[in-house]
C-alpha atoms as a PDB file:
ATOM      1  CA  UNK A   1      -7.507   6.397  -1.812  1.00  0.00           C
ATOM      2  CA  UNK A   2      -4.528   6.651  -4.151  1.00  0.00           C
ATOM      3  CA  UNK A   3      -2.605   9.450  -2.410  1.00  0.00           C
ATOM      4  CA  UNK A   4      -1.764   9.652   1.279  1.00  0.00           C
ATOM      5  CA  UNK A   5       0.620  11.898   3.149  1.00  0.00           C
ATOM      6  CA  UNK A   6       3.614  10.270   4.839  1.00  0.00           C
ATOM      7  CA  UNK A   7       2.412  11.692   8.145  1.00  0.00           C
ATOM      8  CA  UNK A   8      -0.954   9.999   7.808  1.00  0.00           C
ATOM      9  CA  UNK A   9       0.691   6.630   7.137  1.00  0.00           C
ATOM     10  CA  UNK A  10       3.095   6.737  10.082  1.00  0.00           C
ATOM     11  CA  UNK A  11       1.472   5.034  13.046  1.00  0.00           C
ATOM     12  CA  UNK A  12      -1.026   3.154  10.888  1.00  0.00           C
ATOM     13  CA  UNK A  13      -1.717  -0.394  12.029  1.00  0.00           C
ATOM     14  CA  UNK A  14      -0.562  -3.364   9.998  1.00  0.00           C
ATOM     15  CA  UNK A  15      -2.727  -6.465  10.319  1.00  0.00           C
ATOM     16  CA  UNK A  16      -2.768  -9.833   8.629  1.00  0.00           C
ATOM     17  CA  UNK A  17      -5.793 -11.111   6.661  1.00  0.00           C
ATOM     18  CA  UNK A  18      -7.086 -12.819   9.847  1.00  0.00           C
ATOM     19  CA  UNK A  19      -7.187  -9.433  11.597  1.00  0.00           C
ATOM     20  CA  UNK A  20      -4.248 -10.074  13.933  1.00  0.00           C
ATOM     21  CA  UNK A  21      -2.049  -7.076  14.647  1.00  0.00           C
ATOM     22  CA  UNK A  22       1.424  -7.261  13.132  1.00  0.00           C
ATOM     23  CA  UNK A  23       2.514  -3.862  14.387  1.00  0.00           C
ATOM     24  CA  UNK A  24       2.426  -0.368  12.995  1.00  0.00           C
ATOM     25  CA  UNK A  25       4.276   1.723  10.452  1.00  0.00           C
ATOM     26  CA  UNK A  26       7.082   3.748  11.990  1.00  0.00           C
ATOM     27  CA  UNK A  27       8.666   5.231   8.876  1.00  0.00           C
ATOM     28  CA  UNK A  28       8.774   5.175   5.109  1.00  0.00           C
ATOM     29  CA  UNK A  29      11.855   4.716   2.964  1.00  0.00           C
ATOM     30  CA  UNK A  30      11.805   6.674  -0.293  1.00  0.00           C
ATOM     31  CA  UNK A  31      13.926   5.872  -3.335  1.00  0.00           C
ATOM     32  CA  UNK A  32      15.009   9.392  -4.269  1.00  0.00           C
ATOM     33  CA  UNK A  33      15.916   8.794  -7.934  1.00  0.00           C
ATOM     34  CA  UNK A  34      12.474   7.356  -8.723  1.00  0.00           C
ATOM     35  CA  UNK A  35      10.468   9.208  -6.069  1.00  0.00           C
ATOM     36  CA  UNK A  36       8.798   5.940  -5.072  1.00  0.00           C
ATOM     37  CA  UNK A  37       8.096   4.788  -1.546  1.00  0.00           C
ATOM     38  CA  UNK A  38      10.131   1.594  -1.497  1.00  0.00           C
ATOM     39  CA  UNK A  39       9.584   0.260   2.018  1.00  0.00           C
ATOM     40  CA  UNK A  40       7.489   0.758   5.100  1.00  0.00           C
ATOM     41  CA  UNK A  41       9.382   0.251   8.342  1.00  0.00           C
ATOM     42  CA  UNK A  42       7.034  -1.789  10.530  1.00  0.00           C
ATOM     43  CA  UNK A  43       7.540  -2.171  14.276  1.00  0.00           C
ATOM     44  CA  UNK A  44       6.405  -5.479  15.756  1.00  0.00           C
ATOM     45  CA  UNK A  45       6.436  -6.957  19.246  1.00  0.00           C
ATOM     46  CA  UNK A  46       7.740  -5.668  22.507  1.00  0.00           C
ATOM     47  CA  UNK A  47       5.961  -3.576  25.059  1.00  0.00           C
ATOM     48  CA  UNK A  48       5.912   0.213  24.689  1.00  0.00           C
ATOM     49  CA  UNK A  49       8.672  -0.081  22.097  1.00  0.00           C
ATOM     50  CA  UNK A  50      10.960  -2.116  24.380  1.00  0.00           C
ATOM     51  CA  UNK A  51      12.036  -5.413  22.857  1.00  0.00           C
ATOM     52  CA  UNK A  52      10.363  -4.677  19.563  1.00  0.00           C
ATOM     53  CA  UNK A  53      11.834  -5.395  16.153  1.00  0.00           C
ATOM     54  CA  UNK A  54      11.694  -3.291  13.019  1.00  0.00           C
ATOM     55  CA  UNK A  55      11.148  -4.760   9.570  1.00  0.00           C
ATOM     56  CA  UNK A  56      11.519  -3.319   6.110  1.00  0.00           C
ATOM     57  CA  UNK A  57       8.381  -4.343   4.241  1.00  0.00           C
ATOM     58  CA  UNK A  58       8.119  -3.596   0.527  1.00  0.00           C
ATOM     59  CA  UNK A  59       5.209  -1.262  -0.120  1.00  0.00           C
ATOM     60  CA  UNK A  60       4.027  -3.728  -2.774  1.00  0.00           C
ATOM     61  CA  UNK A  61       3.493  -6.297   0.015  1.00  0.00           C
ATOM     62  CA  UNK A  62       1.062  -4.005   1.858  1.00  0.00           C
ATOM     63  CA  UNK A  63      -2.553  -3.650   0.811  1.00  0.00           C
ATOM     64  CA  UNK A  64      -4.557  -0.683   2.004  1.00  0.00           C
ATOM     65  CA  UNK A  65      -7.758  -1.452   3.919  1.00  0.00           C
ATOM     66  CA  UNK A  66      -9.536   1.910   3.763  1.00  0.00           C
ATOM     67  CA  UNK A  67     -12.589   0.645   5.654  1.00  0.00           C
ATOM     68  CA  UNK A  68     -10.570  -0.421   8.711  1.00  0.00           C
ATOM     69  CA  UNK A  69      -7.917   2.293   8.248  1.00  0.00           C
ATOM     70  CA  UNK A  70      -5.003  -0.130   8.271  1.00  0.00           C
ATOM     71  CA  UNK A  71      -2.683  -1.992   5.958  1.00  0.00           C
ATOM     72  CA  UNK A  72      -2.844  -5.733   5.381  1.00  0.00           C
ATOM     73  CA  UNK A  73       0.299  -7.877   5.178  1.00  0.00           C
ATOM     74  CA  UNK A  74       0.051 -11.549   4.276  1.00  0.00           C
ATOM     75  CA  UNK A  75       2.106 -12.814   7.240  1.00  0.00           C
ATOM     76  CA  UNK A  76       1.574 -14.273  10.680  1.00  0.00           C
ATOM     77  CA  UNK A  77       2.884 -13.088  14.018  1.00  0.00           C
ATOM     78  CA  UNK A  78       5.000 -16.259  14.227  1.00  0.00           C
ATOM     79  CA  UNK A  79       6.540 -15.629  10.809  1.00  0.00           C
ATOM     80  CA  UNK A  80       7.523 -12.096  11.832  1.00  0.00           C
ATOM     81  CA  UNK A  81       9.077 -13.360  15.071  1.00  0.00           C
ATOM     82  CA  UNK A  82      11.319 -15.577  12.937  1.00  0.00           C
ATOM     83  CA  UNK A  83      12.083 -12.987  10.267  1.00  0.00           C
ATOM     84  CA  UNK A  84      15.319 -11.069  10.283  1.00  0.00           C
ATOM     85  CA  UNK A  85      14.628  -7.588  11.534  1.00  0.00           C
ATOM     86  CA  UNK A  86      16.633  -4.781  13.027  1.00  0.00           C
ATOM     87  CA  UNK A  87      16.500  -2.477  16.016  1.00  0.00           C
ATOM     88  CA  UNK A  88      16.111   1.274  16.149  1.00  0.00           C
ATOM     89  CA  UNK A  89      19.851   1.800  16.650  1.00  0.00           C
ATOM     90  CA  UNK A  90      21.112  -0.565  13.921  1.00  0.00           C
ATOM     91  CA  UNK A  91      19.330  -0.015  10.620  1.00  0.00           C
ATOM     92  CA  UNK A  92      20.412  -1.990   7.554  1.00  0.00           C
ATOM     93  CA  UNK A  93      21.925  -0.369   4.496  1.00  0.00           C
ATOM     94  CA  UNK A  94      18.748   0.268   2.515  1.00  0.00           C
ATOM     95  CA  UNK A  95      20.842   1.046  -0.584  1.00  0.00           C
ATOM     96  CA  UNK A  96      22.412  -2.445  -0.625  1.00  0.00           C
ATOM     97  CA  UNK A  97      20.809  -4.266  -3.582  1.00  0.00           C
ATOM     98  CA  UNK A  98      21.733  -7.683  -2.160  1.00  0.00           C
ATOM     99  CA  UNK A  99      19.894  -6.867   1.061  1.00  0.00           C
ATOM    100  CA  UNK A 100      16.965  -5.374  -0.879  1.00  0.00           C
ATOM    101  CA  UNK A 101      16.700  -8.477  -3.058  1.00  0.00           C
ATOM    102  CA  UNK A 102      16.500 -10.710   0.042  1.00  0.00           C
ATOM    103  CA  UNK A 103      13.712  -8.553   1.462  1.00  0.00           C
ATOM    104  CA  UNK A 104      11.704  -8.742  -1.771  1.00  0.00           C
ATOM    105  CA  UNK A 105      12.255 -12.500  -2.017  1.00  0.00           C
ATOM    106  CA  UNK A 106      11.044 -12.945   1.570  1.00  0.00           C
ATOM    107  CA  UNK A 107       7.810 -11.048   0.906  1.00  0.00           C
ATOM    108  CA  UNK A 108       7.454 -12.506  -2.615  1.00  0.00           C
ATOM    109  CA  UNK A 109       7.309  -9.102  -4.305  1.00  0.00           C
ATOM    110  CA  UNK A 110       9.012  -7.828  -7.407  1.00  0.00           C
ATOM    111  CA  UNK A 111      11.801  -5.360  -6.625  1.00  0.00           C
ATOM    112  CA  UNK A 112      10.552  -1.817  -7.027  1.00  0.00           C
ATOM    113  CA  UNK A 113      13.514  -0.898  -9.238  1.00  0.00           C
ATOM    114  CA  UNK A 114      12.591  -3.412 -11.945  1.00  0.00           C
END
């Protein structure tokens, strides 16, 4: 499917190609000037949201799996545990191009603004 509502994406599981759960999508970050969804905020780890980390994942790094109703991210649970994330009370500055560039380099995606 090429169009999905933001509400239908929130809560969707994110798995890796091996089928392991990497978390679920908590929010979407939209670049207002272009109207593009730039990042999915993925929550990983913890128990009932306690001790979990949030990650900004470029939408270009996520592949839709319509059959299994999830998104696929080429990462492992161990790699996410060692990736810089943030907590629900301390979000990064999503408008900071230096920060954005680091995120795209980590996930090996081209920046959405290019």
